[in-house]
């Protein structure tokens, strides 16, 4: 058996004592930002072709995942907070369409849109409390706490997808030959 001699990765920032001691809202926001950054980071060092490469049967690509995360931010922190329609916000009517890449989508443009959406999300929720009710989503009224948990779950899932896709791109697809 070959052992990897590299050091264990450091704990993520959300393990830091400063975060543990913070109020719950600050903890949620730290976890959200950690996952937002991880998803954004999945594009580091990739070519445009690699970022767009389809490795699975679905529309999921690394660039598409970050584009979809922008959609998620706008649904949960614009639509749900402000009550504006998806058409007014300028996003697709359904989540499946948010993975579709346009010809003018590049790593730079998708990252820029994602970072702007994350910043807008932070501003939209800055004055809200965890128990404040958001009335704008089509599911009906939801507390900010539930929205934070839902978005965190979705981002964590997509970070996992991104890890697997990136591993295939960077390390090459494993051979199916035994």
C-alpha atoms as a PDB file:
ATOM      1  CA  UNK A   1       0.000   0.000   0.000  1.00  0.00           C
ATOM      2  CA  UNK A   2       1.306   3.473  -0.866  1.00  0.00           C
ATOM      3  CA  UNK A   3       0.669   6.180   1.694  1.00  0.00           C
ATOM      4  CA  UNK A   4       0.352   9.818   0.787  1.00  0.00           C
ATOM      5  CA  UNK A   5       2.958  11.703   2.815  1.00  0.00           C
ATOM      6  CA  UNK A   6       1.351  15.111   2.286  1.00  0.00           C
ATOM      7  CA  UNK A   7       0.110  16.841   5.438  1.00  0.00           C
ATOM      8  CA  UNK A   8      -3.527  16.648   6.379  1.00  0.00           C
ATOM      9  CA  UNK A   9      -5.501  19.602   5.034  1.00  0.00           C
ATOM     10  CA  UNK A  10      -6.180  22.349   7.520  1.00  0.00           C
ATOM     11  CA  UNK A  11      -9.613  22.734   8.972  1.00  0.00           C
ATOM     12  CA  UNK A  12     -11.926  25.020   7.041  1.00  0.00           C
ATOM     13  CA  UNK A  13     -12.436  28.559   8.354  1.00  0.00           C
ATOM     14  CA  UNK A  14     -15.785  27.591   9.876  1.00  0.00           C
ATOM     15  CA  UNK A  15     -13.934  25.452  12.437  1.00  0.00           C
ATOM     16  CA  UNK A  16     -12.148  28.516  13.786  1.00  0.00           C
ATOM     17  CA  UNK A  17     -12.911  29.514  17.365  1.00  0.00           C
ATOM     18  CA  UNK A  18     -13.968  32.960  16.174  1.00  0.00           C
ATOM     19  CA  UNK A  19     -16.836  31.432  14.159  1.00  0.00           C
ATOM     20  CA  UNK A  20     -17.931  28.982  16.863  1.00  0.00           C
ATOM     21  CA  UNK A  21     -18.312  31.839  19.325  1.00  0.00           C
ATOM     22  CA  UNK A  22     -20.364  33.998  16.948  1.00  0.00           C
ATOM     23  CA  UNK A  23     -24.157  34.306  16.952  1.00  0.00           C
ATOM     24  CA  UNK A  24     -26.035  31.782  14.815  1.00  0.00           C
ATOM     25  CA  UNK A  25     -26.599  34.182  11.899  1.00  0.00           C
ATOM     26  CA  UNK A  26     -22.870  34.882  11.627  1.00  0.00           C
ATOM     27  CA  UNK A  27     -22.188  31.139  11.712  1.00  0.00           C
ATOM     28  CA  UNK A  28     -24.681  30.506   8.890  1.00  0.00           C
ATOM     29  CA  UNK A  29     -23.125  33.291   6.851  1.00  0.00           C
ATOM     30  CA  UNK A  30     -19.605  31.935   7.414  1.00  0.00           C
ATOM     31  CA  UNK A  31     -20.651  28.473   6.224  1.00  0.00           C
ATOM     32  CA  UNK A  32     -22.437  29.958   3.200  1.00  0.00           C
ATOM     33  CA  UNK A  33     -19.404  32.054   2.273  1.00  0.00           C
ATOM     34  CA  UNK A  34     -17.100  29.070   2.685  1.00  0.00           C
ATOM     35  CA  UNK A  35     -19.171  27.042   0.217  1.00  0.00           C
ATOM     36  CA  UNK A  36     -19.623  29.985  -2.163  1.00  0.00           C
ATOM     37  CA  UNK A  37     -15.841  30.354  -2.267  1.00  0.00           C
ATOM     38  CA  UNK A  38     -15.273  26.633  -2.734  1.00  0.00           C
ATOM     39  CA  UNK A  39     -17.632  26.516  -5.691  1.00  0.00           C
ATOM     40  CA  UNK A  40     -16.024  29.592  -7.227  1.00  0.00           C
ATOM     41  CA  UNK A  41     -12.621  27.976  -6.678  1.00  0.00           C
ATOM     42  CA  UNK A  42     -13.542  24.903  -8.705  1.00  0.00           C
ATOM     43  CA  UNK A  43     -12.739  26.956 -11.817  1.00  0.00           C
ATOM     44  CA  UNK A  44      -9.212  27.889 -10.695  1.00  0.00           C
ATOM     45  CA  UNK A  45      -6.581  27.076 -13.298  1.00  0.00           C
ATOM     46  CA  UNK A  46      -8.970  25.555 -15.827  1.00  0.00           C
ATOM     47  CA  UNK A  47      -9.172  26.373 -19.502  1.00  0.00           C
ATOM     48  CA  UNK A  48     -12.454  27.533 -20.983  1.00  0.00           C
ATOM     49  CA  UNK A  49     -12.798  24.137 -22.663  1.00  0.00           C
ATOM     50  CA  UNK A  50     -12.260  22.253 -19.403  1.00  0.00           C
ATOM     51  CA  UNK A  51     -14.767  24.433 -17.549  1.00  0.00           C
ATOM     52  CA  UNK A  52     -17.397  23.696 -20.222  1.00  0.00           C
ATOM     53  CA  UNK A  53     -16.573  20.017 -20.712  1.00  0.00           C
ATOM     54  CA  UNK A  54     -19.469  17.664 -20.105  1.00  0.00           C
ATOM     55  CA  UNK A  55     -18.419  14.554 -18.182  1.00  0.00           C
ATOM     56  CA  UNK A  56     -21.867  13.322 -17.147  1.00  0.00           C
ATOM     57  CA  UNK A  57     -25.164  12.692 -18.924  1.00  0.00           C
ATOM     58  CA  UNK A  58     -26.832  15.765 -17.419  1.00  0.00           C
ATOM     59  CA  UNK A  59     -26.093  19.399 -18.311  1.00  0.00           C
ATOM     60  CA  UNK A  60     -23.759  19.605 -15.330  1.00  0.00           C
ATOM     61  CA  UNK A  61     -20.378  21.166 -16.091  1.00  0.00           C
ATOM     62  CA  UNK A  62     -18.110  23.078 -13.751  1.00  0.00           C
ATOM     63  CA  UNK A  63     -18.969  26.373 -15.426  1.00  0.00           C
ATOM     64  CA  UNK A  64     -22.653  25.403 -15.400  1.00  0.00           C
ATOM     65  CA  UNK A  65     -22.506  24.655 -11.663  1.00  0.00           C
ATOM     66  CA  UNK A  66     -21.216  28.142 -10.893  1.00  0.00           C
ATOM     67  CA  UNK A  67     -23.804  29.664 -13.242  1.00  0.00           C
ATOM     68  CA  UNK A  68     -26.501  27.639 -11.469  1.00  0.00           C
ATOM     69  CA  UNK A  69     -25.203  28.834  -8.075  1.00  0.00           C
ATOM     70  CA  UNK A  70     -25.780  32.402  -9.302  1.00  0.00           C
ATOM     71  CA  UNK A  71     -29.382  31.431 -10.070  1.00  0.00           C
ATOM     72  CA  UNK A  72     -29.710  29.938  -6.562  1.00  0.00           C
ATOM     73  CA  UNK A  73     -28.472  33.160  -4.960  1.00  0.00           C
ATOM     74  CA  UNK A  74     -30.969  35.210  -6.957  1.00  0.00           C
ATOM     75  CA  UNK A  75     -33.910  32.900  -6.267  1.00  0.00           C
ATOM     76  CA  UNK A  76     -33.381  32.722  -2.516  1.00  0.00           C
ATOM     77  CA  UNK A  77     -31.955  36.155  -1.754  1.00  0.00           C
ATOM     78  CA  UNK A  78     -33.643  38.331  -4.360  1.00  0.00           C
ATOM     79  CA  UNK A  79     -36.928  36.657  -5.333  1.00  0.00           C
ATOM     80  CA  UNK A  80     -37.651  35.387  -1.810  1.00  0.00           C
ATOM     81  CA  UNK A  81     -36.615  38.630  -0.090  1.00  0.00           C
ATOM     82  CA  UNK A  82     -37.978  41.224  -2.530  1.00  0.00           C
ATOM     83  CA  UNK A  83     -40.867  39.365  -4.141  1.00  0.00           C
ATOM     84  CA  UNK A  84     -39.640  40.307  -7.624  1.00  0.00           C
ATOM     85  CA  UNK A  85     -40.460  37.759 -10.300  1.00  0.00           C
ATOM     86  CA  UNK A  86     -37.771  35.667 -11.972  1.00  0.00           C
ATOM     87  CA  UNK A  87     -38.477  37.537 -15.205  1.00  0.00           C
ATOM     88  CA  UNK A  88     -37.869  40.861 -13.431  1.00  0.00           C
ATOM     89  CA  UNK A  89     -34.635  39.516 -11.957  1.00  0.00           C
ATOM     90  CA  UNK A  90     -33.536  38.190 -15.351  1.00  0.00           C
ATOM     91  CA  UNK A  91     -33.164  34.529 -14.436  1.00  0.00           C
ATOM     92  CA  UNK A  92     -34.663  31.360 -15.940  1.00  0.00           C
ATOM     93  CA  UNK A  93     -38.107  30.225 -14.867  1.00  0.00           C
ATOM     94  CA  UNK A  94     -36.751  26.862 -13.656  1.00  0.00           C
ATOM     95  CA  UNK A  95     -33.508  25.573 -12.221  1.00  0.00           C
ATOM     96  CA  UNK A  96     -32.731  23.144 -15.056  1.00  0.00           C
ATOM     97  CA  UNK A  97     -32.344  26.056 -17.461  1.00  0.00           C
ATOM     98  CA  UNK A  98     -29.828  27.737 -15.149  1.00  0.00           C
ATOM     99  CA  UNK A  99     -27.151  25.172 -16.081  1.00  0.00           C
ATOM    100  CA  UNK A 100     -27.335  26.051 -19.793  1.00  0.00           C
ATOM    101  CA  UNK A 101     -24.234  27.863 -20.995  1.00  0.00           C
ATOM    102  CA  UNK A 102     -24.511  30.626 -23.563  1.00  0.00           C
ATOM    103  CA  UNK A 103     -21.778  31.229 -26.137  1.00  0.00           C
ATOM    104  CA  UNK A 104     -20.686  34.362 -24.295  1.00  0.00           C
ATOM    105  CA  UNK A 105     -20.395  32.622 -20.892  1.00  0.00           C
ATOM    106  CA  UNK A 106     -16.740  32.459 -19.879  1.00  0.00           C
ATOM    107  CA  UNK A 107     -14.980  31.635 -16.647  1.00  0.00           C
ATOM    108  CA  UNK A 108     -14.514  35.360 -16.047  1.00  0.00           C
ATOM    109  CA  UNK A 109     -18.107  36.396 -16.816  1.00  0.00           C
ATOM    110  CA  UNK A 110     -19.727  33.552 -14.871  1.00  0.00           C
ATOM    111  CA  UNK A 111     -17.452  34.130 -11.872  1.00  0.00           C
ATOM    112  CA  UNK A 112     -18.142  37.849 -11.960  1.00  0.00           C
ATOM    113  CA  UNK A 113     -21.914  37.281 -12.056  1.00  0.00           C
ATOM    114  CA  UNK A 114     -21.653  34.753  -9.217  1.00  0.00           C
ATOM    115  CA  UNK A 115     -19.584  37.059  -7.023  1.00  0.00           C
ATOM    116  CA  UNK A 116     -21.970  39.957  -7.661  1.00  0.00           C
ATOM    117  CA  UNK A 117     -24.956  37.760  -6.796  1.00  0.00           C
ATOM    118  CA  UNK A 118     -23.285  36.639  -3.552  1.00  0.00           C
ATOM    119  CA  UNK A 119     -22.574  40.230  -2.573  1.00  0.00           C
ATOM    120  CA  UNK A 120     -26.173  41.208  -3.383  1.00  0.00           C
ATOM    121  CA  UNK A 121     -27.354  38.290  -1.217  1.00  0.00           C
ATOM    122  CA  UNK A 122     -25.272  39.520   1.706  1.00  0.00           C
ATOM    123  CA  UNK A 123     -26.721  43.022   1.342  1.00  0.00           C
ATOM    124  CA  UNK A 124     -30.299  41.707   1.030  1.00  0.00           C
ATOM    125  CA  UNK A 125     -30.062  39.761   4.281  1.00  0.00           C
ATOM    126  CA  UNK A 126     -27.834  42.102   6.290  1.00  0.00           C
ATOM    127  CA  UNK A 127     -30.705  43.699   8.186  1.00  0.00           C
ATOM    128  CA  UNK A 128     -32.757  40.513   8.576  1.00  0.00           C
ATOM    129  CA  UNK A 129     -32.890  38.164  11.532  1.00  0.00           C
ATOM    130  CA  UNK A 130     -32.956  34.382  11.265  1.00  0.00           C
ATOM    131  CA  UNK A 131     -36.618  34.266  12.266  1.00  0.00           C
ATOM    132  CA  UNK A 132     -37.688  36.984   9.811  1.00  0.00           C
ATOM    133  CA  UNK A 133     -40.170  35.642   7.285  1.00  0.00           C
ATOM    134  CA  UNK A 134     -39.451  35.948   3.570  1.00  0.00           C
ATOM    135  CA  UNK A 135     -42.646  36.218   1.541  1.00  0.00           C
ATOM    136  CA  UNK A 136     -41.413  36.353  -2.050  1.00  0.00           C
ATOM    137  CA  UNK A 137     -40.742  32.716  -2.935  1.00  0.00           C
ATOM    138  CA  UNK A 138     -43.336  30.633  -4.754  1.00  0.00           C
ATOM    139  CA  UNK A 139     -43.306  28.059  -1.906  1.00  0.00           C
ATOM    140  CA  UNK A 140     -44.815  30.667   0.343  1.00  0.00           C
ATOM    141  CA  UNK A 141     -43.559  32.356   3.507  1.00  0.00           C
ATOM    142  CA  UNK A 142     -40.285  30.944   4.858  1.00  0.00           C
ATOM    143  CA  UNK A 143     -38.014  32.039   7.706  1.00  0.00           C
ATOM    144  CA  UNK A 144     -34.533  33.236   6.742  1.00  0.00           C
ATOM    145  CA  UNK A 145     -33.101  30.412   8.892  1.00  0.00           C
ATOM    146  CA  UNK A 146     -34.735  27.812   6.602  1.00  0.00           C
ATOM    147  CA  UNK A 147     -33.532  29.644   3.486  1.00  0.00           C
ATOM    148  CA  UNK A 148     -29.955  29.726   4.820  1.00  0.00           C
ATOM    149  CA  UNK A 149     -30.092  25.994   5.563  1.00  0.00           C
ATOM    150  CA  UNK A 150     -31.594  25.209   2.157  1.00  0.00           C
ATOM    151  CA  UNK A 151     -28.987  27.242   0.264  1.00  0.00           C
ATOM    152  CA  UNK A 152     -26.183  25.767   2.362  1.00  0.00           C
ATOM    153  CA  UNK A 153     -27.427  22.257   1.573  1.00  0.00           C
ATOM    154  CA  UNK A 154     -27.595  23.054  -2.135  1.00  0.00           C
ATOM    155  CA  UNK A 155     -24.150  24.669  -2.222  1.00  0.00           C
ATOM    156  CA  UNK A 156     -22.610  21.753  -0.314  1.00  0.00           C
ATOM    157  CA  UNK A 157     -24.143  19.288  -2.768  1.00  0.00           C
ATOM    158  CA  UNK A 158     -22.839  21.253  -5.746  1.00  0.00           C
ATOM    159  CA  UNK A 159     -19.385  21.564  -4.176  1.00  0.00           C
ATOM    160  CA  UNK A 160     -19.328  17.762  -4.046  1.00  0.00           C
ATOM    161  CA  UNK A 161     -20.331  17.579  -7.694  1.00  0.00           C
ATOM    162  CA  UNK A 162     -17.624  20.100  -8.543  1.00  0.00           C
ATOM    163  CA  UNK A 163     -14.969  18.128  -6.639  1.00  0.00           C
ATOM    164  CA  UNK A 164     -15.731  14.991  -8.642  1.00  0.00           C
ATOM    165  CA  UNK A 165     -15.888  16.773 -12.006  1.00  0.00           C
ATOM    166  CA  UNK A 166     -12.684  18.684 -11.308  1.00  0.00           C
ATOM    167  CA  UNK A 167     -10.905  15.494 -10.262  1.00  0.00           C
ATOM    168  CA  UNK A 168     -11.897  13.915 -13.576  1.00  0.00           C
ATOM    169  CA  UNK A 169     -10.668  16.946 -15.519  1.00  0.00           C
ATOM    170  CA  UNK A 170      -7.403  17.491 -13.676  1.00  0.00           C
ATOM    171  CA  UNK A 171      -6.419  13.858 -13.115  1.00  0.00           C
ATOM    172  CA  UNK A 172      -7.986  12.485 -16.283  1.00  0.00           C
ATOM    173  CA  UNK A 173     -10.920  10.176 -16.512  1.00  0.00           C
ATOM    174  CA  UNK A 174     -10.058   6.781 -15.113  1.00  0.00           C
ATOM    175  CA  UNK A 175      -9.873   3.978 -17.602  1.00  0.00           C
ATOM    176  CA  UNK A 176     -12.725   1.500 -17.470  1.00  0.00           C
ATOM    177  CA  UNK A 177     -10.298  -1.284 -18.386  1.00  0.00           C
ATOM    178  CA  UNK A 178      -9.413  -3.565 -15.490  1.00  0.00           C
END
